[in-house]
N, C-alpha and C. Protein backbone atom coordinates (compact mmCIF):
# COMPACT_ATOMS: atom_id res chain seq x y z
N MET A 1 0.90 -0.90 0.20
CA MET A 1 0.15 0.08 0.17
C MET A 1 0.88 1.64 0.16
N SER A 2 1.91 1.42 0.86
CA SER A 2 3.23 2.11 0.50
C SER A 2 3.20 2.66 -0.50
N ALA A 3 3.31 1.91 -1.47
CA ALA A 3 4.25 1.66 -3.28
C ALA A 3 2.56 2.59 -3.39
N PHE A 4 1.80 1.94 -3.33
CA PHE A 4 0.87 3.35 -3.98
C PHE A 4 0.90 4.17 -3.88
N LEU A 5 0.87 4.89 -2.28
CA LEU A 5 0.91 6.53 -2.24
C LEU A 5 2.25 6.96 -2.72
N LYS A 6 2.62 6.20 -2.77
CA LYS A 6 4.64 7.06 -2.72
C LYS A 6 4.16 7.56 -4.66
N GLY A 7 3.26 6.31 -5.14
CA GLY A 7 3.15 7.08 -7.09
C GLY A 7 2.66 7.67 -6.58
N LEU A 8 1.35 7.91 -5.85
CA LEU A 8 0.46 9.06 -6.22
C LEU A 8 0.98 10.16 -5.59
N LEU A 9 1.85 10.76 -4.64
CA LEU A 9 2.29 11.40 -4.21
C LEU A 9 3.97 12.22 -5.58
N GLN A 10 4.24 10.76 -6.24
CA GLN A 10 4.74 11.16 -6.79
C GLN A 10 4.58 11.55 -8.78
N ARG A 11 3.80 10.91 -9.03
CA ARG A 11 3.02 12.03 -9.94
C ARG A 11 2.78 10.81 -10.65
N ARG A 12 3.42 9.88 -10.32
CA ARG A 12 3.18 8.78 -11.40
C ARG A 12 1.98 7.35 -11.48
N ARG A 13 2.16 7.30 -13.54
CA ARG A 13 0.81 7.27 -13.93
C ARG A 13 0.73 6.13 -13.61
N GLY A 14 0.45 4.80 -12.58
CA GLY A 14 0.55 3.72 -12.47
C GLY A 14 -0.71 3.58 -11.35
N ALA A 15 -0.10 4.39 -10.28
CA ALA A 15 -1.02 4.80 -9.38
C ALA A 15 -2.39 5.50 -9.50
N TRP A 16 -1.81 6.96 -10.58
CA TRP A 16 -2.90 7.58 -10.33
C TRP A 16 -3.70 6.65 -11.70
N GLU A 17 -3.62 6.00 -12.71
CA GLU A 17 -4.70 5.07 -13.52
C GLU A 17 -5.30 4.24 -12.96
N LEU A 18 -4.54 3.80 -12.33
CA LEU A 18 -5.43 2.46 -11.00
C LEU A 18 -5.86 3.58 -10.03
N LEU A 19 -6.30 4.52 -9.63
CA LEU A 19 -7.37 5.68 -8.87
C LEU A 19 -8.21 5.80 -9.95
N ALA A 20 -7.73 6.32 -10.78
CA ALA A 20 -9.20 6.48 -12.11
C ALA A 20 -9.64 5.91 -12.60
N THR A 21 -9.36 4.34 -12.65
CA THR A 21 -9.98 2.95 -13.31
C THR A 21 -11.68 3.10 -12.16
N ILE A 22 -10.63 2.95 -10.65
CA ILE A 22 -11.64 3.18 -9.87
C ILE A 22 -13.13 3.43 -9.56
N LEU A 23 -12.54 5.23 -9.92
CA LEU A 23 -13.58 6.10 -9.72
C LEU A 23 -15.13 5.50 -11.43
N ILE A 24 -14.43 5.37 -12.53
CA ILE A 24 -14.70 5.02 -13.13
C ILE A 24 -15.73 4.18 -13.22
N SER A 25 -15.28 2.85 -12.74
CA SER A 25 -15.89 1.28 -11.62
C SER A 25 -17.21 1.87 -10.71
N LEU A 26 -16.74 3.31 -9.59
CA LEU A 26 -17.66 2.82 -8.81
C LEU A 26 -18.29 3.62 -9.78
N GLY A 27 -18.29 5.28 -10.55
CA GLY A 27 -19.55 5.77 -10.49
C GLY A 27 -20.46 4.63 -11.55
N VAL A 28 -19.93 3.77 -12.68
CA VAL A 28 -20.68 2.60 -13.59
C VAL A 28 -22.00 1.53 -12.68
N PHE A 29 -20.82 1.45 -11.43
CA PHE A 29 -21.52 0.45 -10.37
C PHE A 29 -22.81 1.78 -9.82
N MET A 30 -22.60 2.66 -9.06
CA MET A 30 -23.67 3.31 -8.96
C MET A 30 -25.14 4.02 -10.16
N LEU A 31 -24.46 3.83 -11.25
CA LEU A 31 -25.77 3.88 -11.92
C LEU A 31 -26.18 2.80 -12.46
N MET A 32 -25.68 1.71 -11.69
CA MET A 32 -26.62 0.37 -12.22
C MET A 32 -27.33 -0.43 -10.67
N GLN A 33 -27.44 0.42 -9.92
CA GLN A 33 -27.90 -0.37 -8.52
C GLN A 33 -28.83 0.81 -8.77
N PRO A 34 -30.26 -0.04 -7.79
CA PRO A 34 -31.11 -0.01 -8.19
C PRO A 34 -32.08 0.49 -6.98
N PHE A 35 -30.55 1.14 -5.39
CA PHE A 35 -31.88 0.75 -4.81
C PHE A 35 -31.54 2.37 -3.64
N TRP A 36 -30.43 2.79 -3.89
CA TRP A 36 -30.19 4.06 -3.16
C TRP A 36 -29.97 5.11 -4.14
N MET A 37 -31.43 5.95 -3.83
CA MET A 37 -31.33 7.06 -5.48
C MET A 37 -30.51 8.35 -5.39
N MET A 38 -30.24 8.18 -4.27
CA MET A 38 -28.36 9.46 -3.97
C MET A 38 -27.25 8.95 -4.96
N ALA A 39 -27.01 7.91 -5.16
CA ALA A 39 -25.86 7.00 -5.33
C ALA A 39 -26.56 7.57 -7.19
N PHE A 40 -27.36 6.96 -7.49
CA PHE A 40 -27.89 7.20 -9.11
C PHE A 40 -27.38 8.29 -9.32
N THR A 41 -27.84 9.38 -8.47
CA THR A 41 -27.63 10.65 -9.00
C THR A 41 -26.34 11.47 -8.78
N TYR A 42 -25.38 10.91 -8.69
CA TYR A 42 -24.16 11.29 -8.75
C TYR A 42 -23.51 10.25 -9.39
N SER A 43 -23.88 9.82 -10.04
CA SER A 43 -23.14 8.01 -10.86
C SER A 43 -22.41 8.95 -11.94
N PHE A 44 -22.98 10.14 -12.74
CA PHE A 44 -21.58 10.52 -13.92
C PHE A 44 -21.21 11.64 -13.60
N ILE A 45 -21.42 12.07 -12.51
CA ILE A 45 -20.38 12.81 -12.11
C ILE A 45 -19.23 12.24 -11.83
N VAL A 46 -19.55 11.17 -11.66
CA VAL A 46 -18.41 10.32 -11.10
C VAL A 46 -17.67 9.10 -11.72
N THR A 47 -18.11 9.08 -13.00
CA THR A 47 -18.18 8.18 -13.97
C THR A 47 -17.55 9.07 -15.09
N LEU A 48 -17.58 10.93 -14.66
CA LEU A 48 -17.16 11.86 -15.12
C LEU A 48 -15.84 11.78 -15.02
N VAL A 49 -16.15 12.14 -14.13
CA VAL A 49 -14.39 12.69 -12.83
C VAL A 49 -13.27 11.33 -13.01
N GLY A 50 -13.97 10.77 -13.41
CA GLY A 50 -12.76 9.27 -13.55
C GLY A 50 -12.35 9.19 -14.73
N THR A 51 -12.98 9.77 -15.91
CA THR A 51 -12.45 9.64 -17.27
C THR A 51 -11.64 10.57 -17.33
N VAL A 52 -11.99 11.45 -16.94
CA VAL A 52 -11.34 13.07 -17.52
C VAL A 52 -10.00 12.79 -16.65
N MET A 53 -10.64 11.68 -15.68
CA MET A 53 -8.72 12.23 -14.74
C MET A 53 -8.07 11.01 -15.48
N PHE A 54 -8.95 9.81 -15.78
CA PHE A 54 -7.85 9.00 -17.02
C PHE A 54 -7.36 9.57 -17.51
N ILE A 55 -7.96 10.54 -18.42
CA ILE A 55 -7.24 11.53 -20.18
C ILE A 55 -6.35 11.97 -19.22
N VAL A 56 -5.56 13.22 -18.52
CA VAL A 56 -4.95 13.53 -17.76
C VAL A 56 -3.95 12.74 -17.45
N VAL A 57 -4.05 11.99 -16.49
CA VAL A 57 -2.87 10.97 -16.32
C VAL A 57 -2.43 10.13 -17.11
N SER A 58 -2.89 9.70 -18.28
CA SER A 58 -2.04 8.99 -18.84
C SER A 58 -1.80 9.94 -19.60
N HIS A 59 -1.23 10.86 -19.16
CA HIS A 59 -0.31 12.17 -20.00
C HIS A 59 0.91 12.27 -18.49
N PHE A 60 0.92 11.70 -17.55
CA PHE A 60 1.71 11.53 -16.55
C PHE A 60 3.38 10.67 -17.22
N ARG A 61 4.52 11.25 -16.54
CA ARG A 61 5.55 9.95 -16.53
C ARG A 61 5.54 8.67 -15.91
N GLU A 62 6.54 7.75 -16.69
CA GLU A 62 5.76 6.20 -15.48
C GLU A 62 6.44 6.60 -14.62
């Protein structure tokens, strides 16, 4: 776990791409669940933030 945090602090691509992928997955999960309306309401925002984050961090150094 410390390697992940170290990668985030050093702006390494792998750690930030993992975080962006988790956000995208969380947003899609929030979109498809039928139980909690608040999660459904914010699902598009979470997915959009994760997608934009992935595009930006794909330009970071390895």
